[in-house]
Amino acid sequence: MSAAPIPLFRRDAIEHRRSRGLRAEVLAIDPASTSWGFRLLASGIAVLFLFVVLGKINEYASGPAFVRLDGRTTLTASFAGLVTKVDVVPGQAVEAGDVLVRFHANDEIAEYEAASKEFDSQLAKLLLRPDDPTTREALVALRSRRDLARTRLDQRTLRAPERGIVGDVRVREGQLVEPGLRVVELQSKTSAATVVALLPGRYRPLLRAGDKLRFDLDGFHHRAYELRVDSVGDQIVGPSEAQRYLGRDLADAFSINGPVVLVQAKLDRTSFDVDGDHYDFANGMYGKAETIVRNEPIAYSFVPSLKEWVERVSSWVSHVV
C-alpha cells in the first residue's frame, strides 16, 4: 500500500486559521460612478484624437539679427597715414565740406609750396617776356604739377560729403590708419531702421517676402517686434562671406556655423519705449530673429507616412476635379 499524502499545512495551523472567523467581502461598485468615469475617459480620448488630427506643429527658422540704420554713410581711409587732428565729436552736426579728420601731410605741403613758388617765378618771367615760348611751356607744366600737389594735399584732409550728424568716430590723434579702415560715420537726420537676419540657408526655398518675422532685441527680452519680411537674399552664402558682409564691427558679434541667407525687414520707427523710457535704435544693435517655415498637423509626427498618403489623395482629387 502507498503511504498517505503529506498535507501542505499543519493541522494545527489550519484549525487556528478557521477559528479566527475571517471572511472576504463582496466588491461593491456604484453604477453611477462607473458611468461618469467611462464618459470622462471617452471624452478625453476624443479630445486627444481631435488634438492630434487638427493640431498644428510649427517649425521655425531662427538666427542672429541686427539693426541697420538707413541713411548712414561710412567714411574710410583711402591711404595709409597718421592722424594729426580730429575736428569733430559724436553727435555734432556738420555741413557738406566741413573738415572731419586731418592726416599727416608734411611731404604734400612741401611739394605744393615748392610747385607754387616755382610757378610764381615762371609767371613773373612770362610777364617780363610774354613772347618767350620756353617760359610759356614751363608754366603749363608747373600749373599741372601745382594742381596735382594741391589735390594730394586735399586728400590728406577728410571732409563731410554731405550734411548730417557725426556718429561714431573710430580714430584718435596719433593713430596710424590703414587703407579701408573706418574713420567716421555720418547719419542723416531723416532715416529708417532695418532688421537684417541671418537665417539658416537650408530654409531659403521656404522663405518668402511678406512672411512674419519676430525680432527679439538683446538686452530687452520683454520687447519683441512683429515685422514683415521685405526681401530675401537670392544667394546662400557661407560664414566667411557673411562675416565680410557684416564688416569688422559685427563680424565677431555673431557665431555663424553654416551657410546662411540674408533676410531684411523694415522697422516702423527708429526708436522704442521700454518701461516708460524712450530709446533710439543704434546701428549694430543685435538680437534674435525667427520666422515660421512649416505648419503641419501633429498627426504627421506620429505617422510620418500619413503625410505622403494625404498628398497623394489630394493630388488625385485635384486631378479628378
C-alpha atoms as a PDB file:
ATOM      1  CA  MET A   1       0.000   0.000   0.000  1.00  0.00           C
ATOM      2  CA  SER A   2       1.115   3.527  -0.771  1.00  0.00           C
ATOM      3  CA  ALA A   3       1.810   5.911   2.073  1.00  0.00           C
ATOM      4  CA  ALA A   4      -0.785   8.601   2.931  1.00  0.00           C
ATOM      5  CA  PRO A   5      -0.092  12.009   1.312  1.00  0.00           C
ATOM      6  CA  ILE A   6       1.596  14.570   3.499  1.00  0.00           C
ATOM      7  CA  PRO A   7      -0.563  17.734   3.826  1.00  0.00           C
ATOM      8  CA  LEU A   8       0.881  21.092   2.749  1.00  0.00           C
ATOM      9  CA  PHE A   9      -0.029  22.860   6.028  1.00  0.00           C
ATOM     10  CA  ARG A  10      -0.029  21.502   9.569  1.00  0.00           C
ATOM     11  CA  ARG A  11      -3.418  20.609  11.013  1.00  0.00           C
ATOM     12  CA  ASP A  12      -2.898  22.974  13.974  1.00  0.00           C
ATOM     13  CA  ALA A  13      -2.266  25.904  11.589  1.00  0.00           C
ATOM     14  CA  ILE A  14      -5.398  25.122   9.614  1.00  0.00           C
ATOM     15  CA  GLU A  15      -7.547  24.911  12.747  1.00  0.00           C
ATOM     16  CA  HIS A  16      -6.148  28.207  14.047  1.00  0.00           C
ATOM     17  CA  ARG A  17      -6.951  29.919  10.748  1.00  0.00           C
ATOM     18  CA  ARG A  18     -10.533  28.656  10.783  1.00  0.00           C
ATOM     19  CA  SER A  19     -11.043  29.713  14.394  1.00  0.00           C
ATOM     20  CA  ARG A  20     -10.382  33.398  13.542  1.00  0.00           C
ATOM     21  CA  GLY A  21     -13.594  33.603  11.501  1.00  0.00           C
ATOM     22  CA  LEU A  22     -12.201  35.855   8.709  1.00  0.00           C
ATOM     23  CA  ARG A  23     -14.433  36.278   5.637  1.00  0.00           C
ATOM     24  CA  ALA A  24     -13.924  38.235   2.395  1.00  0.00           C
ATOM     25  CA  GLU A  25     -16.419  40.954   1.456  1.00  0.00           C
ATOM     26  CA  VAL A  26     -18.008  41.163  -1.986  1.00  0.00           C
ATOM     27  CA  LEU A  27     -16.739  44.143  -4.099  1.00  0.00           C
ATOM     28  CA  ALA A  28     -19.423  46.843  -4.241  1.00  0.00           C
ATOM     29  CA  ILE A  29     -19.411  49.020  -7.433  1.00  0.00           C
ATOM     30  CA  ASP A  30     -21.506  52.183  -7.786  1.00  0.00           C
ATOM     31  CA  PRO A  31     -23.164  52.173 -11.261  1.00  0.00           C
ATOM     32  CA  ALA A  32     -23.374  55.997 -11.385  1.00  0.00           C
ATOM     33  CA  SER A  33     -19.639  56.460 -10.718  1.00  0.00           C
ATOM     34  CA  THR A  34     -18.763  53.865 -13.324  1.00  0.00           C
ATOM     35  CA  SER A  35     -20.965  55.566 -15.917  1.00  0.00           C
ATOM     36  CA  TRP A  36     -19.465  59.022 -15.316  1.00  0.00           C
ATOM     37  CA  GLY A  37     -15.929  57.633 -15.284  1.00  0.00           C
ATOM     38  CA  PHE A  38     -16.498  55.942 -18.644  1.00  0.00           C
ATOM     39  CA  ARG A  39     -17.896  59.184 -20.096  1.00  0.00           C
ATOM     40  CA  LEU A  40     -14.892  61.190 -18.904  1.00  0.00           C
ATOM     41  CA  LEU A  41     -12.487  58.618 -20.322  1.00  0.00           C
ATOM     42  CA  ALA A  42     -14.276  58.613 -23.680  1.00  0.00           C
ATOM     43  CA  SER A  43     -14.334  62.432 -23.755  1.00  0.00           C
ATOM     44  CA  GLY A  44     -10.601  62.586 -23.002  1.00  0.00           C
ATOM     45  CA  ILE A  45      -9.825  60.115 -25.796  1.00  0.00           C
ATOM     46  CA  ALA A  46     -11.980  62.116 -28.227  1.00  0.00           C
ATOM     47  CA  VAL A  47     -10.295  65.401 -27.284  1.00  0.00           C
ATOM     48  CA  LEU A  48      -6.863  63.802 -27.667  1.00  0.00           C
ATOM     49  CA  PHE A  49      -7.831  62.427 -31.091  1.00  0.00           C
ATOM     50  CA  LEU A  50      -9.074  65.832 -32.265  1.00  0.00           C
ATOM     51  CA  PHE A  51      -5.917  67.495 -30.925  1.00  0.00           C
ATOM     52  CA  VAL A  52      -3.700  65.062 -32.842  1.00  0.00           C
ATOM     53  CA  VAL A  53      -5.728  65.420 -36.057  1.00  0.00           C
ATOM     54  CA  LEU A  54      -6.445  69.170 -36.011  1.00  0.00           C
ATOM     55  CA  GLY A  55      -3.470  70.475 -34.019  1.00  0.00           C
ATOM     56  CA  LYS A  56      -0.516  72.042 -35.807  1.00  0.00           C
ATOM     57  CA  ILE A  57       3.230  71.996 -35.155  1.00  0.00           C
ATOM     58  CA  ASN A  58       5.289  74.990 -36.258  1.00  0.00           C
ATOM     59  CA  GLU A  59       8.872  74.727 -37.459  1.00  0.00           C
ATOM     60  CA  TYR A  60      10.919  77.906 -37.081  1.00  0.00           C
ATOM     61  CA  ALA A  61      13.938  79.258 -38.910  1.00  0.00           C
ATOM     62  CA  SER A  62      15.906  81.297 -36.400  1.00  0.00           C
ATOM     63  CA  GLY A  63      19.224  83.076 -36.384  1.00  0.00           C
ATOM     64  CA  PRO A  64      21.066  86.217 -35.273  1.00  0.00           C
ATOM     65  CA  ALA A  65      19.887  89.604 -36.476  1.00  0.00           C
ATOM     66  CA  PHE A  66      20.983  93.201 -36.143  1.00  0.00           C
ATOM     67  CA  VAL A  67      19.619  96.699 -36.691  1.00  0.00           C
ATOM     68  CA  ARG A  68      20.936  98.748 -39.579  1.00  0.00           C
ATOM     69  CA  LEU A  69      20.127 102.453 -39.785  1.00  0.00           C
ATOM     70  CA  ASP A  70      19.497 103.615 -43.328  1.00  0.00           C
ATOM     71  CA  GLY A  71      20.994 106.900 -44.467  1.00  0.00           C
ATOM     72  CA  ARG A  72      24.263 106.124 -42.725  1.00  0.00           C
ATOM     73  CA  THR A  73      27.467 106.978 -44.585  1.00  0.00           C
ATOM     74  CA  THR A  74      30.727 105.327 -43.592  1.00  0.00           C
ATOM     75  CA  LEU A  75      33.912 107.206 -44.475  1.00  0.00           C
ATOM     76  CA  THR A  76      37.027 105.077 -44.772  1.00  0.00           C
ATOM     77  CA  ALA A  77      40.691 105.832 -45.230  1.00  0.00           C
ATOM     78  CA  SER A  78      41.860 105.544 -48.831  1.00  0.00           C
ATOM     79  CA  PHE A  79      45.556 105.567 -47.896  1.00  0.00           C
ATOM     80  CA  ALA A  80      47.895 104.786 -45.033  1.00  0.00           C
ATOM     81  CA  GLY A  81      48.628 107.741 -42.812  1.00  0.00           C
ATOM     82  CA  LEU A  82      48.943 109.249 -39.360  1.00  0.00           C
ATOM     83  CA  VAL A  83      46.010 111.108 -37.804  1.00  0.00           C
ATOM     84  CA  THR A  84      47.127 114.530 -36.660  1.00  0.00           C
ATOM     85  CA  LYS A  85      43.793 116.038 -35.601  1.00  0.00           C
ATOM     86  CA  VAL A  86      40.142 115.038 -35.194  1.00  0.00           C
ATOM     87  CA  ASP A  87      37.907 118.084 -35.680  1.00  0.00           C
ATOM     88  CA  VAL A  88      34.529 116.544 -34.772  1.00  0.00           C
ATOM     89  CA  VAL A  89      32.879 114.647 -31.933  1.00  0.00           C
ATOM     90  CA  PRO A  90      29.952 112.190 -31.995  1.00  0.00           C
ATOM     91  CA  GLY A  91      26.600 113.938 -32.223  1.00  0.00           C
ATOM     92  CA  GLN A  92      27.985 117.057 -33.886  1.00  0.00           C
ATOM     93  CA  ALA A  93      26.096 118.477 -36.871  1.00  0.00           C
ATOM     94  CA  VAL A  94      28.224 119.100 -39.942  1.00  0.00           C
ATOM     95  CA  GLU A  95      27.670 120.580 -43.382  1.00  0.00           C
ATOM     96  CA  ALA A  96      28.986 119.334 -46.702  1.00  0.00           C
ATOM     97  CA  GLY A  97      32.679 120.202 -46.993  1.00  0.00           C
ATOM     98  CA  ASP A  98      33.376 120.548 -43.266  1.00  0.00           C
ATOM     99  CA  VAL A  99      36.696 119.109 -42.108  1.00  0.00           C
ATOM    100  CA  LEU A 100      36.357 115.921 -40.091  1.00  0.00           C
ATOM    101  CA  VAL A 101      39.847 114.452 -39.721  1.00  0.00           C
ATOM    102  CA  ARG A 102      43.306 115.700 -40.723  1.00  0.00           C
ATOM    103  CA  PHE A 103      46.212 113.427 -41.596  1.00  0.00           C
ATOM    104  CA  HIS A 104      49.963 113.980 -41.580  1.00  0.00           C
ATOM    105  CA  ALA A 105      50.810 115.898 -44.783  1.00  0.00           C
ATOM    106  CA  ASN A 106      54.281 117.433 -44.407  1.00  0.00           C
ATOM    107  CA  ASP A 107      55.503 115.942 -47.683  1.00  0.00           C
ATOM    108  CA  GLU A 108      52.408 117.086 -49.552  1.00  0.00           C
ATOM    109  CA  ILE A 109      52.647 120.597 -48.113  1.00  0.00           C
ATOM    110  CA  ALA A 110      56.329 120.859 -49.070  1.00  0.00           C
ATOM    111  CA  GLU A 111      55.603 119.672 -52.619  1.00  0.00           C
ATOM    112  CA  TYR A 112      52.714 122.102 -53.002  1.00  0.00           C
ATOM    113  CA  GLU A 113      54.734 125.055 -51.708  1.00  0.00           C
ATOM    114  CA  ALA A 114      57.670 124.206 -53.980  1.00  0.00           C
ATOM    115  CA  ALA A 115      55.411 123.880 -57.027  1.00  0.00           C
ATOM    116  CA  SER A 116      53.605 127.135 -56.208  1.00  0.00           C
ATOM    117  CA  LYS A 117      56.868 129.039 -55.697  1.00  0.00           C
ATOM    118  CA  GLU A 118      58.320 127.800 -58.982  1.00  0.00           C
ATOM    119  CA  PHE A 119      55.063 128.559 -60.776  1.00  0.00           C
ATOM    120  CA  ASP A 120      55.054 132.139 -59.454  1.00  0.00           C
ATOM    121  CA  SER A 121      58.694 132.534 -60.547  1.00  0.00           C
ATOM    122  CA  GLN A 122      57.980 131.379 -64.091  1.00  0.00           C
ATOM    123  CA  LEU A 123      54.846 133.540 -64.201  1.00  0.00           C
ATOM    124  CA  ALA A 124      56.941 136.603 -63.340  1.00  0.00           C
ATOM    125  CA  LYS A 125      59.353 135.764 -66.162  1.00  0.00           C
ATOM    126  CA  LEU A 126      56.464 135.408 -68.574  1.00  0.00           C
ATOM    127  CA  LEU A 127      55.122 138.805 -67.610  1.00  0.00           C
ATOM    128  CA  LEU A 128      58.520 140.325 -68.403  1.00  0.00           C
ATOM    129  CA  ARG A 129      58.881 138.433 -71.693  1.00  0.00           C
ATOM    130  CA  PRO A 130      55.371 137.473 -72.959  1.00  0.00           C
ATOM    131  CA  ASP A 131      56.757 136.147 -76.244  1.00  0.00           C
ATOM    132  CA  ASP A 132      59.136 133.604 -74.684  1.00  0.00           C
ATOM    133  CA  PRO A 133      57.777 130.161 -75.721  1.00  0.00           C
ATOM    134  CA  THR A 134      60.094 128.269 -73.377  1.00  0.00           C
ATOM    135  CA  THR A 135      58.761 130.074 -70.328  1.00  0.00           C
ATOM    136  CA  ARG A 136      55.177 129.569 -71.504  1.00  0.00           C
ATOM    137  CA  GLU A 137      55.663 125.801 -71.871  1.00  0.00           C
ATOM    138  CA  ALA A 138      57.339 125.579 -68.471  1.00  0.00           C
ATOM    139  CA  LEU A 139      54.439 127.490 -66.953  1.00  0.00           C
ATOM    140  CA  VAL A 140      51.912 124.970 -68.321  1.00  0.00           C
ATOM    141  CA  ALA A 141      53.870 122.050 -66.849  1.00  0.00           C
ATOM    142  CA  LEU A 142      54.220 123.801 -63.492  1.00  0.00           C
ATOM    143  CA  ARG A 143      50.497 124.525 -63.364  1.00  0.00           C
ATOM    144  CA  SER A 144      49.770 120.813 -63.755  1.00  0.00           C
ATOM    145  CA  ARG A 145      52.331 119.983 -61.100  1.00  0.00           C
ATOM    146  CA  ARG A 146      50.872 122.533 -58.691  1.00  0.00           C
ATOM    147  CA  ASP A 147      47.307 121.295 -59.247  1.00  0.00           C
ATOM    148  CA  LEU A 148      48.383 117.700 -58.648  1.00  0.00           C
ATOM    149  CA  ALA A 149      50.170 118.689 -55.452  1.00  0.00           C
ATOM    150  CA  ARG A 150      47.067 120.566 -54.321  1.00  0.00           C
ATOM    151  CA  THR A 151      44.881 117.525 -54.976  1.00  0.00           C
ATOM    152  CA  ARG A 152      47.193 115.266 -52.972  1.00  0.00           C
ATOM    153  CA  LEU A 153      47.226 117.790 -50.147  1.00  0.00           C
ATOM    154  CA  ASP A 154      43.417 117.932 -50.101  1.00  0.00           C
ATOM    155  CA  GLN A 155      43.278 114.144 -49.898  1.00  0.00           C
ATOM    156  CA  ARG A 156      45.097 114.321 -46.563  1.00  0.00           C
ATOM    157  CA  THR A 157      42.038 116.064 -45.137  1.00  0.00           C
ATOM    158  CA  LEU A 158      38.804 114.092 -44.697  1.00  0.00           C
ATOM    159  CA  ARG A 159      35.721 116.244 -45.310  1.00  0.00           C
ATOM    160  CA  ALA A 160      32.000 115.610 -44.940  1.00  0.00           C
ATOM    161  CA  PRO A 161      30.493 114.635 -48.305  1.00  0.00           C
ATOM    162  CA  GLU A 162      27.036 115.765 -47.228  1.00  0.00           C
ATOM    163  CA  ARG A 163      25.068 117.298 -44.398  1.00  0.00           C
ATOM    164  CA  GLY A 164      24.480 115.064 -41.392  1.00  0.00           C
ATOM    165  CA  ILE A 165      25.194 114.131 -37.801  1.00  0.00           C
ATOM    166  CA  VAL A 166      28.520 112.631 -36.787  1.00  0.00           C
ATOM    167  CA  GLY A 167      28.027 109.111 -35.498  1.00  0.00           C
ATOM    168  CA  ASP A 168      30.959 107.005 -34.429  1.00  0.00           C
ATOM    169  CA  VAL A 169      34.476 108.427 -34.633  1.00  0.00           C
ATOM    170  CA  ARG A 170      36.795 105.439 -34.977  1.00  0.00           C
ATOM    171  CA  VAL A 171      40.183 107.170 -34.892  1.00  0.00           C
ATOM    172  CA  ARG A 172      42.140 109.352 -32.482  1.00  0.00           C
ATOM    173  CA  GLU A 173      45.045 111.741 -32.770  1.00  0.00           C
ATOM    174  CA  GLY A 174      48.349 109.961 -33.249  1.00  0.00           C
ATOM    175  CA  GLN A 175      46.757 106.792 -34.620  1.00  0.00           C
ATOM    176  CA  LEU A 176      48.213 105.134 -37.703  1.00  0.00           C
ATOM    177  CA  VAL A 177      45.465 104.043 -40.098  1.00  0.00           C
ATOM    178  CA  GLU A 178      45.478 101.618 -42.999  1.00  0.00           C
ATOM    179  CA  PRO A 179      43.534 101.768 -46.284  1.00  0.00           C
ATOM    180  CA  GLY A 180      39.950 100.619 -45.803  1.00  0.00           C
ATOM    181  CA  LEU A 181      39.795 101.402 -42.085  1.00  0.00           C
ATOM    182  CA  ARG A 182      36.566 103.071 -40.957  1.00  0.00           C
ATOM    183  CA  VAL A 183      37.262 106.606 -39.825  1.00  0.00           C
ATOM    184  CA  VAL A 184      33.957 108.436 -39.272  1.00  0.00           C
ATOM    185  CA  GLU A 185      30.279 107.597 -39.751  1.00  0.00           C
ATOM    186  CA  LEU A 186      27.682 110.205 -40.725  1.00  0.00           C
ATOM    187  CA  GLN A 187      23.971 109.775 -40.052  1.00  0.00           C
ATOM    188  CA  SER A 188      21.362 111.751 -41.944  1.00  0.00           C
ATOM    189  CA  LYS A 189      18.642 113.346 -39.838  1.00  0.00           C
ATOM    190  CA  THR A 190      15.817 111.522 -41.610  1.00  0.00           C
ATOM    191  CA  SER A 191      16.447 107.804 -41.700  1.00  0.00           C
ATOM    192  CA  ALA A 192      14.723 104.463 -41.264  1.00  0.00           C
ATOM    193  CA  ALA A 193      15.764 101.300 -39.472  1.00  0.00           C
ATOM    194  CA  THR A 194      16.045  97.839 -40.986  1.00  0.00           C
ATOM    195  CA  VAL A 195      16.455  94.453 -39.321  1.00  0.00           C
ATOM    196  CA  VAL A 196      18.871  92.153 -41.148  1.00  0.00           C
ATOM    197  CA  ALA A 197      18.572  88.500 -40.120  1.00  0.00           C
ATOM    198  CA  LEU A 198      20.974  85.666 -40.930  1.00  0.00           C
ATOM    199  CA  LEU A 199      18.768  82.575 -41.178  1.00  0.00           C
ATOM    200  CA  PRO A 200      19.953  79.026 -41.999  1.00  0.00           C
ATOM    201  CA  GLY A 201      20.476  78.606 -45.723  1.00  0.00           C
ATOM    202  CA  ARG A 202      18.561  75.314 -45.878  1.00  0.00           C
ATOM    203  CA  TYR A 203      15.324  77.241 -45.357  1.00  0.00           C
ATOM    204  CA  ARG A 204      15.836  79.507 -48.404  1.00  0.00           C
ATOM    205  CA  PRO A 205      13.147  77.748 -50.570  1.00  0.00           C
ATOM    206  CA  LEU A 206      10.609  78.177 -47.755  1.00  0.00           C
ATOM    207  CA  LEU A 207      11.176  81.906 -47.156  1.00  0.00           C
ATOM    208  CA  ARG A 208       9.017  84.481 -48.915  1.00  0.00           C
ATOM    209  CA  ALA A 209       8.612  88.241 -48.860  1.00  0.00           C
ATOM    210  CA  GLY A 210       5.617  89.072 -46.691  1.00  0.00           C
ATOM    211  CA  ASP A 211       6.270  86.339 -44.124  1.00  0.00           C
ATOM    212  CA  LYS A 212       6.045  87.322 -40.471  1.00  0.00           C
ATOM    213  CA  LEU A 213       9.364  87.830 -38.705  1.00  0.00           C
ATOM    214  CA  ARG A 214       9.753  88.078 -34.941  1.00  0.00           C
ATOM    215  CA  PHE A 215      12.721  90.100 -33.699  1.00  0.00           C
ATOM    216  CA  ASP A 216      13.843  89.962 -30.055  1.00  0.00           C
ATOM    217  CA  LEU A 217      16.263  92.741 -29.184  1.00  0.00           C
ATOM    218  CA  ASP A 218      19.115  91.548 -26.990  1.00  0.00           C
ATOM    219  CA  GLY A 219      19.065  93.204 -23.572  1.00  0.00           C
ATOM    220  CA  PHE A 220      15.337  93.974 -23.834  1.00  0.00           C
ATOM    221  CA  HIS A 221      13.850  90.499 -23.618  1.00  0.00           C
ATOM    222  CA  HIS A 222      10.359  91.767 -22.903  1.00  0.00           C
ATOM    223  CA  ARG A 223      10.350  93.793 -26.115  1.00  0.00           C
ATOM    224  CA  ALA A 224       9.669  91.813 -29.296  1.00  0.00           C
ATOM    225  CA  TYR A 225       8.785  93.182 -32.720  1.00  0.00           C
ATOM    226  CA  GLU A 226       6.448  91.509 -35.198  1.00  0.00           C
ATOM    227  CA  LEU A 227       7.697  92.508 -38.642  1.00  0.00           C
ATOM    228  CA  ARG A 228       7.057  91.533 -42.247  1.00  0.00           C
ATOM    229  CA  VAL A 229       9.868  90.315 -44.468  1.00  0.00           C
ATOM    230  CA  ASP A 230      10.676  92.836 -47.196  1.00  0.00           C
ATOM    231  CA  SER A 231      13.297  90.868 -49.095  1.00  0.00           C
ATOM    232  CA  VAL A 232      15.046  87.514 -49.054  1.00  0.00           C
ATOM    233  CA  GLY A 233      18.540  87.104 -50.471  1.00  0.00           C
ATOM    234  CA  ASP A 234      18.820  85.139 -53.711  1.00  0.00           C
ATOM    235  CA  GLN A 235      22.121  83.592 -52.722  1.00  0.00           C
ATOM    236  CA  ILE A 236      23.087  81.331 -49.846  1.00  0.00           C
ATOM    237  CA  VAL A 237      26.442  82.496 -48.509  1.00  0.00           C
ATOM    238  CA  GLY A 238      28.998  80.812 -46.320  1.00  0.00           C
ATOM    239  CA  PRO A 239      30.265  82.005 -42.933  1.00  0.00           C
ATOM    240  CA  SER A 240      33.266  83.855 -44.382  1.00  0.00           C
ATOM    241  CA  GLU A 241      31.201  85.774 -46.921  1.00  0.00           C
ATOM    242  CA  ALA A 242      28.577  86.580 -44.266  1.00  0.00           C
ATOM    243  CA  GLN A 243      31.269  87.995 -41.978  1.00  0.00           C
ATOM    244  CA  ARG A 244      32.573  90.169 -44.809  1.00  0.00           C
ATOM    245  CA  TYR A 245      29.050  91.482 -45.274  1.00  0.00           C
ATOM    246  CA  LEU A 246      28.784  92.281 -41.577  1.00  0.00           C
ATOM    247  CA  GLY A 247      32.073  94.159 -41.634  1.00  0.00           C
ATOM    248  CA  ARG A 248      34.736  94.468 -38.966  1.00  0.00           C
ATOM    249  CA  ASP A 249      32.331  95.892 -36.400  1.00  0.00           C
ATOM    250  CA  LEU A 250      29.859  92.992 -36.302  1.00  0.00           C
ATOM    251  CA  ALA A 251      31.893  90.081 -37.646  1.00  0.00           C
ATOM    252  CA  ASP A 252      32.863  88.985 -34.123  1.00  0.00           C
ATOM    253  CA  ALA A 253      29.432  89.637 -32.603  1.00  0.00           C
ATOM    254  CA  PHE A 254      27.771  86.573 -34.151  1.00  0.00           C
ATOM    255  CA  SER A 255      28.688  82.919 -34.320  1.00  0.00           C
ATOM    256  CA  ILE A 256      27.983  81.725 -37.857  1.00  0.00           C
ATOM    257  CA  ASN A 257      28.381  77.968 -38.110  1.00  0.00           C
ATOM    258  CA  GLY A 258      26.995  77.253 -41.562  1.00  0.00           C
ATOM    259  CA  PRO A 259      25.541  78.703 -44.777  1.00  0.00           C
ATOM    260  CA  VAL A 260      23.021  81.494 -44.232  1.00  0.00           C
ATOM    261  CA  VAL A 261      20.606  83.591 -46.237  1.00  0.00           C
ATOM    262  CA  LEU A 262      20.091  87.304 -45.591  1.00  0.00           C
ATOM    263  CA  VAL A 263      16.542  88.395 -44.768  1.00  0.00           C
ATOM    264  CA  GLN A 264      15.553  92.042 -44.332  1.00  0.00           C
ATOM    265  CA  ALA A 265      12.523  93.593 -42.657  1.00  0.00           C
ATOM    266  CA  LYS A 266      11.713  97.262 -42.068  1.00  0.00           C
ATOM    267  CA  LEU A 267      11.133  98.685 -38.614  1.00  0.00           C
ATOM    268  CA  ASP A 268       8.300 101.184 -38.426  1.00  0.00           C
ATOM    269  CA  ARG A 269      10.342 103.600 -36.311  1.00  0.00           C
ATOM    270  CA  THR A 270      13.881 104.490 -35.314  1.00  0.00           C
ATOM    271  CA  SER A 271      13.224 104.441 -31.562  1.00  0.00           C
ATOM    272  CA  PHE A 272      11.422 102.318 -28.971  1.00  0.00           C
ATOM    273  CA  ASP A 273       9.927 102.613 -25.483  1.00  0.00           C
ATOM    274  CA  VAL A 274      10.580 100.270 -22.563  1.00  0.00           C
ATOM    275  CA  ASP A 275       9.070 100.742 -19.103  1.00  0.00           C
ATOM    276  CA  GLY A 276       8.198 104.339 -19.873  1.00  0.00           C
ATOM    277  CA  ASP A 277      11.706 105.232 -21.082  1.00  0.00           C
ATOM    278  CA  HIS A 278      12.475 106.298 -24.645  1.00  0.00           C
ATOM    279  CA  TYR A 279      15.484 104.904 -26.509  1.00  0.00           C
ATOM    280  CA  ASP A 280      16.875 105.317 -30.016  1.00  0.00           C
ATOM    281  CA  PHE A 281      17.961 102.369 -32.085  1.00  0.00           C
ATOM    282  CA  ALA A 282      21.706 102.274 -32.604  1.00  0.00           C
ATOM    283  CA  ASN A 283      23.361 100.909 -35.685  1.00  0.00           C
ATOM    284  CA  GLY A 284      24.503  97.346 -34.955  1.00  0.00           C
ATOM    285  CA  MET A 285      22.132  96.553 -32.064  1.00  0.00           C
ATOM    286  CA  TYR A 286      21.624  92.812 -32.301  1.00  0.00           C
ATOM    287  CA  GLY A 287      19.232  90.137 -31.183  1.00  0.00           C
ATOM    288  CA  LYS A 288      17.463  87.029 -32.475  1.00  0.00           C
ATOM    289  CA  ALA A 289      15.003  86.670 -35.359  1.00  0.00           C
ATOM    290  CA  GLU A 290      12.715  83.789 -36.193  1.00  0.00           C
ATOM    291  CA  THR A 291      10.003  83.032 -38.715  1.00  0.00           C
ATOM    292  CA  ILE A 292       7.642  80.102 -39.322  1.00  0.00           C
ATOM    293  CA  VAL A 293       8.681  77.976 -42.295  1.00  0.00           C
ATOM    294  CA  ARG A 294       6.437  74.931 -41.817  1.00  0.00           C
ATOM    295  CA  ASN A 295       2.997  74.378 -40.253  1.00  0.00           C
ATOM    296  CA  GLU A 296       1.986  70.712 -40.238  1.00  0.00           C
ATOM    297  CA  PRO A 297      -0.607  68.601 -38.330  1.00  0.00           C
ATOM    298  CA  ILE A 298       0.585  66.830 -35.208  1.00  0.00           C
ATOM    299  CA  ALA A 299      -0.554  63.522 -36.707  1.00  0.00           C
ATOM    300  CA  TYR A 300       2.343  63.665 -39.198  1.00  0.00           C
ATOM    301  CA  SER A 301       4.772  63.409 -36.284  1.00  0.00           C
ATOM    302  CA  PHE A 302       3.186  60.163 -35.062  1.00  0.00           C
ATOM    303  CA  VAL A 303       2.592  58.675 -38.512  1.00  0.00           C
ATOM    304  CA  PRO A 304       5.139  60.111 -40.989  1.00  0.00           C
ATOM    305  CA  SER A 305       3.705  58.061 -43.876  1.00  0.00           C
ATOM    306  CA  LEU A 306       0.348  59.783 -43.365  1.00  0.00           C
ATOM    307  CA  LYS A 307       1.700  62.969 -44.952  1.00  0.00           C
ATOM    308  CA  GLU A 308       2.630  61.184 -48.150  1.00  0.00           C
ATOM    309  CA  TRP A 309      -0.753  59.440 -48.230  1.00  0.00           C
ATOM    310  CA  VAL A 310      -2.637  62.734 -47.779  1.00  0.00           C
ATOM    311  CA  GLU A 311      -0.577  64.371 -50.529  1.00  0.00           C
ATOM    312  CA  ARG A 312      -1.393  61.506 -52.901  1.00  0.00           C
ATOM    313  CA  VAL A 313      -5.091  61.719 -52.122  1.00  0.00           C
ATOM    314  CA  SER A 314      -5.095  65.492 -52.584  1.00  0.00           C
ATOM    315  CA  SER A 315      -3.248  65.166 -55.892  1.00  0.00           C
ATOM    316  CA  TRP A 316      -5.718  62.528 -57.076  1.00  0.00           C
ATOM    317  CA  VAL A 317      -8.734  64.631 -56.061  1.00  0.00           C
ATOM    318  CA  SER A 318      -7.353  67.752 -57.755  1.00  0.00           C
ATOM    319  CA  HIS A 319      -6.634  65.703 -60.911  1.00  0.00           C
ATOM    320  CA  VAL A 320     -10.161  64.273 -60.966  1.00  0.00           C
ATOM    321  CA  VAL A 321     -11.823  67.630 -60.321  1.00  0.00           C
END
